[in-house]
Amino acid sequence: MTTSFNRASSGAFSLPASAGLGLKLQHTEEILTTHPPLGFVEIHAENFMVAGGPRHHYLSRIRQHYALSVHGVGLSLGGKEPLNQEHLTRLAQLVARYQPEAVSEHIAWSGLGGRYTNDLLPLAYTPASLQRLCSHIDQVQQTLNRPIMVENPATYLRFTESTLSEADFISEAVRRTGCGLLLDVNNVYVSAVNHHYDARAYIQALPLDRAGEVHLAGFDEQADDSGAPLLIDSHGSPVAEPVWALYQWLLAHTGPLPTLLERDNNVPALNELLTETAHIQRLLDEPRLRECRHA
């Protein structure tokens, strides 16, 4: 039995429709000193699942100035095994401590038989895996007493046993659980190139009315065994031009959405990242998007 939540409950999906940045410890002092014009910051939940230390020292201060999104990477929502209750309890404690404007996780799995990978692994899109995912989302939402958002994956293979398209799988999970959508535009582009499908058609098939946040990031380009392009969601480079173009197309259909710049590898100086967030903000501030928002 799924439990529905709405946008108004528990302050969910209340990030400002502006540019945000993934928070890195090496940038915290500069952010506190200069207060750059960011709408929000985002943290990886697992980096803060401790009682104290420098991370909490800085986050507590930054939280006074910026809206906060908590993004989990280790719950293994799509896994076959029950959720790790200790991990979920720590997430609940973190959310209670900081009362973020948004909480999100991935449609992926990362653990089996007590072993955990440092990766977000894909799942087959079947009725059985959909039911498990929905059950896990329900458990998280009940524990946190708020809806979460789930993020579309970047994938490099597809399962022959899948009977649902990825967009239909995600849409049905959102419908059944009342959760929101974290739309990662870079992931869409990476998967569309890897699997040879239309990125725009994929996005149009998603429940965009439930999109509470957008992610943008960079990718690496490699080649598969046949020499065809293979894109890797690396978060180690600036946003690529085709991803910017897809993002602009998205905004033309949705109006402004809270948009995060992710950079987890090869992290540059803060000013370089702020150049990209400023570009995001310019796109969000275009007059036609304001008209779209108020239509």
Protein backbone atom coordinates (compact mmCIF):
# COMPACT_ATOMS: atom_id res chain seq x y z
CA MET A 1 0.00 0.00 0.00
CA THR A 2 1.64 3.20 -1.12
CA THR A 3 1.28 6.50 0.68
CA SER A 4 0.82 9.69 -1.27
CA PHE A 5 2.50 12.95 -0.37
CA ASN A 6 2.09 16.30 -2.06
CA ARG A 7 4.39 19.19 -2.82
CA ALA A 8 3.23 21.17 0.20
CA SER A 9 3.88 18.51 2.81
CA SER A 10 6.85 18.87 5.17
CA GLY A 11 8.40 21.62 3.06
CA ALA A 12 9.21 19.18 0.26
CA PHE A 13 10.18 20.39 -3.21
CA SER A 14 10.67 23.93 -1.93
CA LEU A 15 14.09 24.71 -3.38
CA PRO A 16 14.22 28.10 -5.10
CA ALA A 17 14.05 27.99 -8.89
CA SER A 18 17.62 29.18 -9.21
CA ALA A 19 21.17 27.89 -9.62
CA GLY A 20 22.73 25.71 -6.93
CA LEU A 21 26.11 24.09 -6.39
CA GLY A 22 27.30 20.82 -4.92
CA LEU A 23 29.14 21.71 -1.70
CA LYS A 24 32.81 20.72 -1.43
CA LEU A 25 34.76 21.06 1.80
CA GLN A 26 37.63 22.91 0.08
CA HIS A 27 35.21 25.67 -0.95
CA THR A 28 33.39 26.22 2.34
CA GLU A 29 35.61 28.95 3.78
CA GLU A 30 35.46 30.93 0.55
CA ILE A 31 31.69 30.54 0.35
CA LEU A 32 31.30 31.78 3.92
CA THR A 33 33.57 34.73 3.23
CA THR A 34 32.20 35.82 -0.16
CA HIS A 35 28.57 34.60 -0.04
CA PRO A 36 28.26 33.91 -3.78
CA PRO A 37 24.79 34.34 -5.31
CA LEU A 38 23.63 30.73 -5.13
CA GLY A 39 20.03 29.74 -4.63
CA PHE A 40 20.96 26.56 -2.75
CA VAL A 41 23.73 24.09 -2.02
CA GLU A 42 23.60 20.31 -2.11
CA ILE A 43 25.47 17.74 -0.03
CA HIS A 44 25.92 14.01 -0.38
CA ALA A 45 24.22 12.59 2.67
CA GLU A 46 26.84 9.93 3.31
CA ASN A 47 29.55 12.56 3.82
CA PHE A 48 27.67 13.90 6.85
CA MET A 49 26.53 10.74 8.63
CA VAL A 50 28.69 11.49 11.67
CA ALA A 51 27.92 13.33 14.88
CA GLY A 52 30.37 16.19 14.51
CA GLY A 53 33.62 17.33 12.95
CA PRO A 54 34.61 20.00 10.42
CA ARG A 55 31.96 19.05 7.86
CA HIS A 56 29.14 19.81 10.27
CA HIS A 57 30.96 22.89 11.55
CA TYR A 58 30.94 24.39 8.06
CA LEU A 59 27.55 23.09 6.96
CA SER A 60 25.82 24.52 10.03
CA ARG A 61 27.17 27.95 9.14
CA ILE A 62 26.41 27.66 5.42
CA ARG A 63 22.88 26.50 6.20
CA GLN A 64 22.24 29.93 7.74
CA HIS A 65 22.66 31.53 4.31
CA TYR A 66 21.49 29.00 1.74
CA ALA A 67 18.67 26.57 1.05
CA LEU A 68 19.83 22.96 1.31
CA SER A 69 19.31 19.81 -0.73
CA VAL A 70 20.40 16.46 0.72
CA HIS A 71 21.30 13.94 -1.97
CA GLY A 72 21.83 10.30 -1.00
CA VAL A 73 23.99 7.89 -2.96
CA GLY A 74 23.98 4.75 -0.82
CA LEU A 75 20.47 3.67 0.10
CA SER A 76 20.30 1.14 -2.74
CA LEU A 77 16.64 1.90 -3.42
CA GLY A 78 16.54 -0.48 -6.38
CA GLY A 79 18.20 -3.40 -4.60
CA LYS A 80 16.67 -6.82 -4.02
CA GLU A 81 17.50 -6.80 -0.31
CA PRO A 82 15.79 -4.79 2.47
CA LEU A 83 17.09 -1.31 3.02
CA ASN A 84 19.94 -0.96 5.49
CA GLN A 85 18.09 0.27 8.57
CA GLU A 86 21.19 1.79 10.17
CA HIS A 87 21.86 3.80 7.03
CA LEU A 88 18.26 4.96 6.85
CA THR A 89 18.30 5.95 10.53
CA ARG A 90 21.42 8.05 9.99
CA LEU A 91 19.78 9.71 6.99
CA ALA A 92 16.72 10.50 9.11
CA GLN A 93 18.94 12.03 11.80
CA LEU A 94 20.72 14.19 9.23
CA VAL A 95 17.42 15.39 7.75
CA ALA A 96 16.04 16.16 11.21
CA ARG A 97 19.18 18.10 12.08
CA TYR A 98 19.22 20.39 9.04
CA GLN A 99 15.59 20.37 7.81
CA PRO A 100 16.61 20.59 4.14
CA GLU A 101 14.31 21.93 1.45
CA ALA A 102 14.74 18.70 -0.53
CA VAL A 103 15.92 15.10 -0.11
CA SER A 104 16.72 12.80 -3.02
CA GLU A 105 18.15 9.41 -3.95
CA HIS A 106 19.00 7.36 -7.04
CA ILE A 107 17.06 4.72 -8.93
CA ALA A 108 19.88 2.22 -8.61
CA TRP A 109 21.32 -0.43 -6.33
CA SER A 110 24.71 -0.66 -4.68
CA GLY A 111 24.74 -3.57 -2.25
CA LEU A 112 24.13 -7.32 -2.10
CA GLY A 113 24.90 -9.92 0.54
CA GLY A 114 26.51 -7.44 2.88
CA ARG A 115 28.89 -6.16 0.23
CA TYR A 116 28.70 -2.65 -1.16
CA THR A 117 30.03 -1.14 -4.34
CA ASN A 118 31.16 2.43 -4.75
CA ASP A 119 28.86 2.72 -7.74
CA LEU A 120 25.23 3.15 -8.75
CA LEU A 121 24.28 -0.04 -10.54
CA PRO A 122 21.36 -0.40 -12.99
CA LEU A 123 18.30 -2.58 -12.54
CA ALA A 124 16.00 -4.42 -14.88
CA TYR A 125 12.72 -2.60 -15.50
CA THR A 126 10.18 -5.25 -14.58
CA PRO A 127 6.98 -5.26 -12.48
CA ALA A 128 8.84 -7.04 -9.69
CA SER A 129 11.69 -4.52 -9.53
CA LEU A 130 9.16 -1.68 -9.75
CA GLN A 131 7.31 -3.04 -6.74
CA ARG A 132 10.54 -3.35 -4.74
CA LEU A 133 11.57 0.18 -5.65
CA CYS A 134 8.16 1.56 -4.65
CA SER A 135 8.23 -0.34 -1.37
CA HIS A 136 11.65 1.10 -0.57
CA ILE A 137 10.61 4.64 -1.51
CA ASP A 138 7.55 4.28 0.71
CA GLN A 139 9.74 3.11 3.60
CA VAL A 140 12.08 6.08 3.23
CA GLN A 141 9.23 8.57 2.97
CA GLN A 142 7.49 7.15 6.01
CA THR A 143 10.74 7.24 8.00
CA LEU A 144 11.54 10.81 7.00
CA ASN A 145 7.88 11.89 7.12
CA ARG A 146 8.32 13.71 3.82
CA PRO A 147 8.44 12.87 0.12
CA ILE A 148 11.79 12.38 -1.54
CA MET A 149 12.84 12.83 -5.14
CA VAL A 150 14.30 10.00 -7.21
CA GLU A 151 16.92 10.55 -9.89
CA ASN A 152 16.97 9.01 -13.35
CA PRO A 153 20.16 6.97 -13.87
CA ALA A 154 23.01 7.15 -16.34
CA THR A 155 23.32 3.65 -17.81
CA TYR A 156 25.75 1.74 -19.99
CA LEU A 157 23.78 -1.46 -20.55
CA ARG A 158 20.17 -2.60 -20.71
CA PHE A 159 18.65 -5.85 -19.48
CA THR A 160 16.94 -8.18 -21.93
CA GLU A 161 14.44 -9.08 -19.20
CA SER A 162 13.13 -5.50 -18.96
CA THR A 163 9.47 -5.23 -19.93
CA LEU A 164 9.02 -1.52 -19.19
CA SER A 165 10.77 1.46 -20.70
CA GLU A 166 12.86 3.48 -18.28
CA ALA A 167 10.59 6.52 -18.58
CA ASP A 168 7.48 4.41 -17.91
CA PHE A 169 9.21 2.71 -14.98
CA ILE A 170 10.10 6.04 -13.38
CA SER A 171 6.69 7.54 -14.10
CA GLU A 172 4.92 4.64 -12.47
CA ALA A 173 7.17 4.79 -9.39
CA VAL A 174 6.38 8.49 -9.00
CA ARG A 175 2.65 7.87 -9.44
CA ARG A 176 2.48 5.00 -6.94
CA THR A 177 4.54 6.60 -4.18
CA GLY A 178 3.86 10.31 -4.55
CA CYS A 179 7.60 10.99 -4.67
CA GLY A 180 9.15 13.67 -6.84
CA LEU A 181 11.50 13.58 -9.79
CA LEU A 182 15.11 14.74 -9.76
CA LEU A 183 15.79 15.12 -13.46
CA ASP A 184 19.47 14.72 -14.27
CA VAL A 185 19.82 16.16 -17.78
CA ASN A 186 23.39 14.92 -18.14
CA ASN A 187 22.25 11.39 -17.29
CA VAL A 188 19.53 11.65 -19.93
CA TYR A 189 22.02 12.70 -22.59
CA VAL A 190 24.60 10.07 -21.59
CA SER A 191 22.06 7.25 -21.67
CA ALA A 192 20.47 8.49 -24.90
CA VAL A 193 23.82 8.42 -26.69
CA ASN A 194 24.80 5.06 -25.21
CA HIS A 195 21.49 3.39 -26.09
CA HIS A 196 20.66 5.33 -29.27
CA TYR A 197 17.34 6.89 -28.30
CA ASP A 198 15.83 10.37 -28.49
CA ALA A 199 16.65 12.35 -25.33
CA ARG A 200 13.80 14.79 -25.83
CA ALA A 201 11.22 12.05 -26.30
CA TYR A 202 12.49 10.39 -23.13
CA ILE A 203 12.11 13.61 -21.13
CA GLN A 204 8.63 14.24 -22.52
CA ALA A 205 7.58 10.80 -21.25
CA LEU A 206 8.55 11.66 -17.67
CA PRO A 207 6.22 13.26 -15.06
CA LEU A 208 7.71 16.73 -15.43
CA ASP A 209 5.04 18.22 -13.17
CA ARG A 210 6.75 16.34 -10.33
CA ALA A 211 10.25 17.63 -11.13
CA GLY A 212 11.60 19.37 -8.04
CA GLU A 213 15.24 19.67 -9.07
CA VAL A 214 17.50 19.39 -12.11
CA HIS A 215 21.12 18.22 -12.18
CA LEU A 216 23.75 19.28 -14.70
CA ALA A 217 27.25 17.80 -14.91
CA GLY A 218 30.01 16.83 -17.30
CA PHE A 219 30.78 13.50 -18.95
CA ASP A 220 33.79 11.68 -20.38
CA GLU A 221 33.72 10.29 -23.91
CA GLN A 222 35.15 6.85 -24.62
CA ALA A 223 34.44 4.17 -27.22
CA ASP A 224 32.97 0.70 -26.89
CA ASP A 225 34.44 -2.46 -28.45
CA SER A 226 32.84 -1.63 -31.79
CA GLY A 227 34.26 1.88 -31.82
CA ALA A 228 30.91 3.56 -31.13
CA PRO A 229 30.81 6.49 -28.69
CA LEU A 230 30.37 5.54 -25.03
CA LEU A 231 29.69 8.36 -22.62
CA ILE A 232 30.57 8.08 -18.92
CA ASP A 233 28.80 10.17 -16.28
CA SER A 234 32.04 11.28 -14.63
CA HIS A 235 31.17 14.63 -12.99
CA GLY A 236 34.74 15.56 -13.79
CA SER A 237 34.46 18.27 -16.45
CA PRO A 238 32.35 21.30 -17.37
CA VAL A 239 28.83 20.81 -18.71
CA ALA A 240 29.02 19.90 -22.41
CA GLU A 241 27.31 21.94 -25.12
CA PRO A 242 24.72 19.28 -26.07
CA VAL A 243 23.70 19.02 -22.40
CA TRP A 244 23.30 22.80 -22.22
CA ALA A 245 21.12 22.64 -25.33
CA LEU A 246 18.96 19.87 -23.86
CA TYR A 247 18.62 21.84 -20.63
CA GLN A 248 17.48 24.96 -22.49
CA TRP A 249 14.93 22.88 -24.38
CA LEU A 250 13.68 21.47 -21.05
CA LEU A 251 13.27 24.92 -19.52
CA ALA A 252 11.31 26.09 -22.54
CA HIS A 253 8.75 23.40 -21.69
CA THR A 254 8.75 23.62 -17.89
CA GLY A 255 9.77 27.13 -16.93
CA PRO A 256 12.46 27.70 -14.29
CA LEU A 257 13.42 24.75 -12.08
CA PRO A 258 15.94 24.51 -9.23
CA THR A 259 19.14 23.50 -11.03
CA LEU A 260 22.29 22.11 -9.47
CA LEU A 261 25.78 22.07 -10.95
CA GLU A 262 27.58 18.85 -9.96
CA ARG A 263 31.36 18.50 -9.93
CA ASP A 264 32.72 15.57 -7.96
CA ASN A 265 36.01 14.83 -9.75
CA ASN A 266 38.77 17.15 -10.95
CA VAL A 267 37.13 19.80 -8.79
CA PRO A 268 38.42 23.25 -9.83
CA ALA A 269 38.57 26.56 -7.98
CA LEU A 270 35.25 27.96 -6.79
CA ASN A 271 35.33 30.81 -9.31
CA GLU A 272 35.34 28.36 -12.21
CA LEU A 273 32.26 26.62 -10.88
CA LEU A 274 30.53 29.94 -10.22
CA THR A 275 31.02 30.85 -13.88
CA GLU A 276 28.89 27.83 -14.77
CA THR A 277 26.27 28.51 -12.09
CA ALA A 278 26.04 32.09 -13.38
CA HIS A 279 25.29 30.70 -16.83
CA ILE A 280 22.57 28.51 -15.33
CA GLN A 281 21.07 31.54 -13.62
CA ARG A 282 21.08 33.56 -16.86
CA LEU A 283 19.14 30.78 -18.57
CA LEU A 284 16.68 30.59 -15.68
CA ASP A 285 16.16 34.36 -15.76
CA GLU A 286 15.21 34.57 -19.42
CA PRO A 287 11.90 36.46 -19.76
CA ARG A 288 10.20 33.67 -21.70
CA LEU A 289 10.86 31.29 -18.80
CA ARG A 290 9.25 33.69 -16.34
CA GLU A 291 6.22 33.79 -18.64
CA CYS A 292 6.21 29.99 -18.70
CA ARG A 293 6.28 29.87 -14.90
CA HIS A 294 3.31 32.22 -14.54
CA ALA A 295 1.24 30.75 -17.39
